[in-house]
Amino acid sequence: MALTATRSRAGNPGPGAPAPSVERTARARRVTGTIGPLGIGVSVLWVSVIVLLPLAAMTFTALSGGLGDLWEAVTAPAALAALRVTLGTSAVVALVNVVMGTLVAWVLVRDDFRGKGLVNALIDLPFALPTIVASIVLLSLYGPYSPIGVQLNATTPGLTVALAFVTLPFVVRAVQPVLLEADREVEEAAASLGGSNLTVFRRIVLPTLLPAILSGGGLAFARAIGEYGSVVLIGGNIPGRTQVASQYIQQQIEIDRPVNAAAVSVALLLVAFVVLFLLRLLAGFQRRREEKAP
């Protein structure tokens, strides 16, 4: 009995007291418990008002004339040309960002140089900067009165540069955390066994980075297909050449054809949804593979 009292005074549980792990588990459950029906209801209501209702209204407008009118509006020559320019340029921009964004992330994580903090901050600038400002800056630099003698106004390269500017952070910020958590001892071991830098990168680093690279590239593509502000000035809005889908949608609104505008908007929405759905599947596959790994 004296021994039991001594243990109780020392903070250890007595014979009938619950184990400390049980108490900690119960306390953790209280802290991290579910938010409850009210929180779920508010969350669903907010998502419905901000996302679902506008999308439903747009889809209703696009289908107001039936599926035949929707298909006719999407397959009109001008609409197809705008979609072709948008999807083609966005795909090129995503590929460019996959390469350059990965390189920038690698430099920011693995190298030390003066101004590294400034460069790291500049990566997020397209997120904060109004995209119309980016278009003005690009027009001043690559427009008819370019101070460097490079004229990209109303050209496909001009569109590409504008879209690359606003989508660069997606790949960089997706790859950076993976690089920070990567096990460098494995790379050093492979190098010590005679592996070249290219072999180490291709066989060890790239498989680790690939899901993040694909995720960042997919997000960049989905962002680019809906871009408007950064291309509105530098692009030139030439139908069939530099007119992107967002500019075509605005044009249809201005000439009082809301059904056509909604139809093309639904087409872009479907493309973005498919891309995001595939990225979700990729993330789930990667998570399951990590759980199965020893």
Protein backbone atom coordinates (compact mmCIF):
# COMPACT_ATOMS: atom_id res chain seq x y z
CA MET A 1 0.00 0.00 0.00
CA ALA A 2 2.86 2.33 0.77
CA LEU A 3 4.37 1.51 -2.61
CA THR A 4 1.08 2.37 -4.30
CA ALA A 5 0.86 5.69 -2.52
CA THR A 6 4.44 6.49 -3.48
CA ARG A 7 3.68 5.80 -7.14
CA SER A 8 0.58 7.97 -7.01
CA ARG A 9 2.56 10.86 -5.49
CA ALA A 10 5.19 10.40 -8.22
CA GLY A 11 2.58 10.89 -10.89
CA ASN A 12 2.25 7.23 -11.94
CA PRO A 13 -1.27 5.81 -12.14
CA GLY A 14 -2.54 3.56 -9.40
CA PRO A 15 -4.00 0.12 -9.95
CA GLY A 16 -7.38 1.42 -11.04
CA ALA A 17 -6.28 4.55 -12.93
CA PRO A 18 -6.30 4.65 -16.74
CA ALA A 19 -3.02 4.50 -18.59
CA PRO A 20 -1.53 7.88 -19.60
CA SER A 21 -1.71 6.91 -23.28
CA VAL A 22 -5.49 6.43 -23.00
CA GLU A 23 -5.87 9.85 -21.39
CA ARG A 24 -3.76 11.49 -24.09
CA THR A 25 -5.74 9.72 -26.81
CA ALA A 26 -9.05 10.87 -25.36
CA ARG A 27 -7.76 14.42 -25.02
CA ALA A 28 -6.50 14.38 -28.63
CA ARG A 29 -9.88 13.19 -29.83
CA ARG A 30 -11.57 16.05 -28.02
CA VAL A 31 -9.19 18.57 -29.59
CA THR A 32 -9.25 17.16 -33.13
CA GLY A 33 -12.87 16.01 -33.16
CA THR A 34 -15.30 16.60 -35.99
CA ILE A 35 -16.58 20.10 -36.51
CA GLY A 36 -20.20 19.03 -36.22
CA PRO A 37 -23.34 19.41 -38.36
CA LEU A 38 -23.36 23.21 -38.10
CA GLY A 39 -19.82 23.53 -39.45
CA ILE A 40 -20.56 21.08 -42.26
CA GLY A 41 -23.71 22.97 -43.18
CA VAL A 42 -21.92 26.34 -43.26
CA SER A 43 -19.10 24.88 -45.38
CA VAL A 44 -21.50 23.32 -47.88
CA LEU A 45 -23.54 26.54 -48.06
CA TRP A 46 -20.44 28.65 -48.68
CA VAL A 47 -19.12 26.35 -51.42
CA SER A 48 -22.59 26.29 -53.00
CA VAL A 49 -22.92 30.08 -53.07
CA ILE A 50 -19.38 30.75 -54.26
CA VAL A 51 -18.84 27.82 -56.66
CA LEU A 52 -21.82 25.59 -57.36
CA LEU A 53 -24.54 28.18 -57.99
CA PRO A 54 -22.50 30.27 -60.48
CA LEU A 55 -21.45 27.12 -62.33
CA ALA A 56 -25.03 25.86 -62.38
CA ALA A 57 -26.27 29.22 -63.70
CA MET A 58 -23.64 29.20 -66.46
CA THR A 59 -24.51 25.61 -67.43
CA PHE A 60 -28.23 26.45 -67.45
CA THR A 61 -27.59 29.38 -69.77
CA ALA A 62 -25.49 27.24 -72.10
CA LEU A 63 -28.22 24.59 -72.26
CA SER A 64 -31.11 27.03 -72.58
CA GLY A 65 -31.35 26.31 -76.31
CA GLY A 66 -30.76 22.58 -75.99
CA LEU A 67 -27.76 20.37 -76.65
CA GLY A 68 -27.93 21.13 -80.36
CA ASP A 69 -27.41 24.85 -79.85
CA LEU A 70 -24.68 24.15 -77.30
CA TRP A 71 -22.79 21.95 -79.74
CA GLU A 72 -23.26 24.46 -82.55
CA ALA A 73 -21.92 27.29 -80.40
CA VAL A 74 -18.85 25.32 -79.31
CA THR A 75 -18.06 24.03 -82.83
CA ALA A 76 -18.47 27.38 -84.57
CA PRO A 77 -15.29 28.17 -86.57
CA ALA A 78 -14.41 31.23 -84.45
CA ALA A 79 -15.00 29.31 -81.20
CA LEU A 80 -12.92 26.34 -82.35
CA ALA A 81 -10.11 28.68 -83.41
CA ALA A 82 -10.11 30.39 -80.01
CA LEU A 83 -10.13 27.03 -78.21
CA ARG A 84 -7.32 25.74 -80.42
CA VAL A 85 -5.15 28.77 -79.69
CA THR A 86 -5.95 28.56 -75.97
CA LEU A 87 -5.32 24.85 -75.50
CA GLY A 88 -2.26 24.76 -77.75
CA THR A 89 -0.56 27.74 -76.15
CA SER A 90 -1.47 26.55 -72.64
CA ALA A 91 0.03 23.11 -73.35
CA VAL A 92 3.27 24.70 -74.58
CA VAL A 93 3.40 26.96 -71.53
CA ALA A 94 2.82 24.01 -69.19
CA LEU A 95 5.70 22.10 -70.80
CA VAL A 96 7.99 25.12 -70.58
CA ASN A 97 7.08 25.60 -66.92
CA VAL A 98 7.67 21.93 -66.17
CA VAL A 99 11.28 22.32 -67.31
CA MET A 100 12.05 25.84 -66.16
CA GLY A 101 9.98 25.67 -62.98
CA THR A 102 11.78 22.50 -61.90
CA LEU A 103 15.13 24.12 -62.66
CA VAL A 104 14.24 27.23 -60.65
CA ALA A 105 13.04 25.12 -57.72
CA TRP A 106 16.26 23.10 -57.82
CA VAL A 107 18.40 26.24 -57.75
CA LEU A 108 16.41 27.77 -54.90
CA VAL A 109 16.70 24.61 -52.78
CA ARG A 110 20.14 23.24 -53.61
CA ASP A 111 22.22 26.37 -54.33
CA ASP A 112 23.19 29.38 -52.24
CA PHE A 113 23.76 32.74 -53.87
CA ARG A 114 23.32 36.43 -53.18
CA GLY A 115 19.76 37.61 -53.65
CA LYS A 116 18.28 34.15 -53.17
CA GLY A 117 15.61 35.51 -50.81
CA LEU A 118 14.66 38.17 -53.34
CA VAL A 119 14.33 35.62 -56.14
CA ASN A 120 12.26 33.40 -53.87
CA ALA A 121 9.92 36.31 -53.17
CA LEU A 122 9.67 37.25 -56.84
CA ILE A 123 8.36 33.77 -57.66
CA ASP A 124 5.11 34.60 -55.86
CA LEU A 125 4.76 38.01 -57.52
CA PRO A 126 2.39 36.75 -60.28
CA PHE A 127 0.02 35.59 -57.53
CA ALA A 128 -0.18 39.08 -56.01
CA LEU A 129 0.22 41.27 -59.09
CA PRO A 130 -2.95 42.14 -61.06
CA THR A 131 -2.56 40.33 -64.37
CA ILE A 132 -3.48 43.43 -66.37
CA VAL A 133 -0.37 45.06 -64.89
CA ALA A 134 1.66 42.16 -66.24
CA SER A 135 0.17 42.75 -69.68
CA ILE A 136 1.11 46.45 -69.54
CA VAL A 137 4.65 45.59 -68.47
CA LEU A 138 5.03 43.00 -71.23
CA LEU A 139 3.63 45.40 -73.81
CA SER A 140 6.11 48.06 -72.72
CA LEU A 141 8.97 45.59 -72.99
CA TYR A 142 7.96 43.63 -76.10
CA GLY A 143 5.54 46.03 -77.80
CA PRO A 144 5.98 48.25 -80.88
CA TYR A 145 8.31 50.58 -78.97
CA SER A 146 10.34 47.85 -77.29
CA PRO A 147 13.47 49.27 -75.60
CA ILE A 148 15.32 46.01 -76.34
CA GLY A 149 14.22 45.73 -79.96
CA VAL A 150 12.08 42.59 -79.47
CA GLN A 151 8.54 42.92 -80.83
CA LEU A 152 6.16 40.20 -79.63
CA ASN A 153 2.91 42.16 -79.66
CA ALA A 154 0.00 40.28 -81.28
CA THR A 155 2.07 37.12 -81.77
CA THR A 156 1.91 33.59 -80.40
CA PRO A 157 5.29 33.99 -78.62
CA GLY A 158 3.82 37.04 -76.90
CA LEU A 159 0.92 34.94 -75.63
CA THR A 160 3.36 32.27 -74.48
CA VAL A 161 5.48 34.74 -72.51
CA ALA A 162 2.41 36.27 -70.86
CA LEU A 163 0.98 32.91 -69.82
CA ALA A 164 4.38 31.66 -68.65
CA PHE A 165 4.64 34.71 -66.40
CA VAL A 166 1.37 34.05 -64.57
CA THR A 167 1.81 30.25 -64.29
CA LEU A 168 5.47 29.95 -63.27
CA PRO A 169 4.81 29.74 -59.49
CA PHE A 170 2.68 26.59 -59.79
CA VAL A 171 5.52 24.26 -60.75
CA VAL A 172 8.13 25.96 -58.55
CA ARG A 173 5.97 25.83 -55.42
CA ALA A 174 4.91 22.24 -56.13
CA VAL A 175 8.48 20.96 -56.55
CA GLN A 176 10.20 22.95 -53.79
CA PRO A 177 8.77 21.11 -50.76
CA VAL A 178 9.54 17.72 -52.31
CA LEU A 179 13.13 18.75 -52.91
CA LEU A 180 13.43 20.02 -49.34
CA GLU A 181 12.26 16.67 -47.95
CA ALA A 182 14.25 14.50 -50.38
CA ASP A 183 16.83 12.17 -48.85
CA ARG A 184 20.14 13.44 -50.15
CA GLU A 185 22.03 10.52 -48.64
CA VAL A 186 20.61 8.27 -51.35
CA GLU A 187 21.90 10.65 -54.03
CA GLU A 188 25.32 10.79 -52.37
CA ALA A 189 25.44 7.00 -52.15
CA ALA A 190 24.61 6.67 -55.84
CA ALA A 191 27.26 9.24 -56.74
CA SER A 192 29.84 7.44 -54.61
CA LEU A 193 29.12 4.24 -56.55
CA GLY A 194 30.10 5.98 -59.77
CA GLY A 195 26.78 7.34 -60.98
CA SER A 196 27.01 10.51 -63.05
CA ASN A 197 24.96 13.58 -62.18
CA LEU A 198 22.59 12.84 -65.05
CA THR A 199 22.16 9.22 -63.96
CA VAL A 200 21.53 10.17 -60.35
CA PHE A 201 18.95 12.73 -61.41
CA ARG A 202 17.22 10.40 -63.87
CA ARG A 203 17.15 7.28 -61.68
CA ILE A 204 16.75 8.73 -58.18
CA VAL A 205 15.68 12.38 -58.14
CA LEU A 206 13.26 12.48 -61.07
CA PRO A 207 11.00 9.60 -59.89
CA THR A 208 10.64 11.39 -56.56
CA LEU A 209 9.85 14.73 -58.18
CA LEU A 210 7.64 13.43 -60.98
CA PRO A 211 4.28 13.55 -59.14
CA ALA A 212 4.95 17.12 -57.98
CA ILE A 213 6.12 18.14 -61.46
CA LEU A 214 3.00 16.71 -63.09
CA SER A 215 0.79 18.32 -60.46
CA GLY A 216 2.38 21.72 -60.94
CA GLY A 217 2.26 21.40 -64.73
CA GLY A 218 -1.41 20.41 -64.64
CA LEU A 219 -2.30 23.35 -62.41
CA ALA A 220 -0.35 25.69 -64.70
CA PHE A 221 -2.27 24.36 -67.72
CA ALA A 222 -5.63 24.72 -65.97
CA ARG A 223 -4.72 28.28 -64.94
CA ALA A 224 -3.54 29.23 -68.43
CA ILE A 225 -6.69 28.16 -70.29
CA GLY A 226 -8.75 30.67 -68.33
CA GLU A 227 -6.28 33.57 -68.36
CA TYR A 228 -7.43 36.97 -69.60
CA GLY A 229 -5.68 39.92 -67.98
CA SER A 230 -2.08 39.12 -68.90
CA VAL A 231 -2.89 38.54 -72.59
CA VAL A 232 -5.47 41.25 -73.19
CA LEU A 233 -2.89 43.81 -74.39
CA ILE A 234 0.15 41.82 -75.53
CA GLY A 235 -1.98 39.22 -77.34
CA GLY A 236 -3.64 41.54 -79.81
CA ASN A 237 -6.95 39.59 -79.87
CA ILE A 238 -6.59 38.54 -83.52
CA PRO A 239 -9.26 35.89 -84.33
CA GLY A 240 -7.72 32.62 -85.39
CA ARG A 241 -4.21 33.69 -84.41
CA THR A 242 -3.94 35.23 -80.94
CA GLN A 243 -7.53 35.39 -79.70
CA VAL A 244 -7.84 33.14 -76.65
CA ALA A 245 -11.07 31.66 -75.38
CA SER A 246 -11.52 34.23 -72.61
CA GLN A 247 -11.34 37.06 -75.14
CA TYR A 248 -13.78 35.23 -77.43
CA ILE A 249 -16.19 34.88 -74.49
CA GLN A 250 -15.98 38.61 -73.78
CA GLN A 251 -16.58 39.34 -77.47
CA GLN A 252 -19.72 37.19 -77.47
CA ILE A 253 -21.02 39.03 -74.40
CA GLU A 254 -20.38 42.39 -76.05
CA ILE A 255 -22.38 41.44 -79.16
CA ASP A 256 -25.23 40.09 -76.99
CA ARG A 257 -24.70 36.36 -77.50
CA PRO A 258 -24.62 35.08 -73.91
CA VAL A 259 -25.51 31.53 -74.92
CA ASN A 260 -22.40 31.27 -77.12
CA ALA A 261 -20.27 32.74 -74.35
CA ALA A 262 -21.69 30.29 -71.81
CA ALA A 263 -21.18 27.35 -74.18
CA VAL A 264 -17.47 28.06 -74.63
CA SER A 265 -17.18 28.66 -70.89
CA VAL A 266 -18.66 25.22 -70.23
CA ALA A 267 -16.13 23.71 -72.65
CA LEU A 268 -13.27 25.33 -70.74
CA LEU A 269 -14.82 24.21 -67.47
CA LEU A 270 -14.93 20.60 -68.66
CA VAL A 271 -11.29 20.71 -69.76
CA ALA A 272 -10.20 22.18 -66.43
CA PHE A 273 -12.30 19.65 -64.52
CA VAL A 274 -10.76 16.71 -66.39
CA VAL A 275 -7.25 18.02 -65.70
CA LEU A 276 -7.94 18.54 -62.00
CA PHE A 277 -9.64 15.13 -61.75
CA LEU A 278 -6.60 13.44 -63.27
CA LEU A 279 -4.35 15.29 -60.84
CA ARG A 280 -6.55 14.04 -58.00
CA LEU A 281 -6.21 10.48 -59.24
CA LEU A 282 -2.45 10.93 -59.51
CA ALA A 283 -2.24 12.21 -55.92
CA GLY A 284 -4.31 9.27 -54.68
CA PHE A 285 -2.15 6.77 -56.54
CA GLN A 286 1.00 8.34 -55.14
CA ARG A 287 -0.39 8.25 -51.61
CA ARG A 288 -1.35 4.59 -51.88
CA ARG A 289 2.08 3.72 -53.25
CA GLU A 290 3.77 5.49 -50.34
CA GLU A 291 1.57 3.63 -47.86
CA LYS A 292 2.52 0.28 -49.41
CA ALA A 293 6.21 1.12 -49.45
CA PRO A 294 8.22 -0.59 -46.65
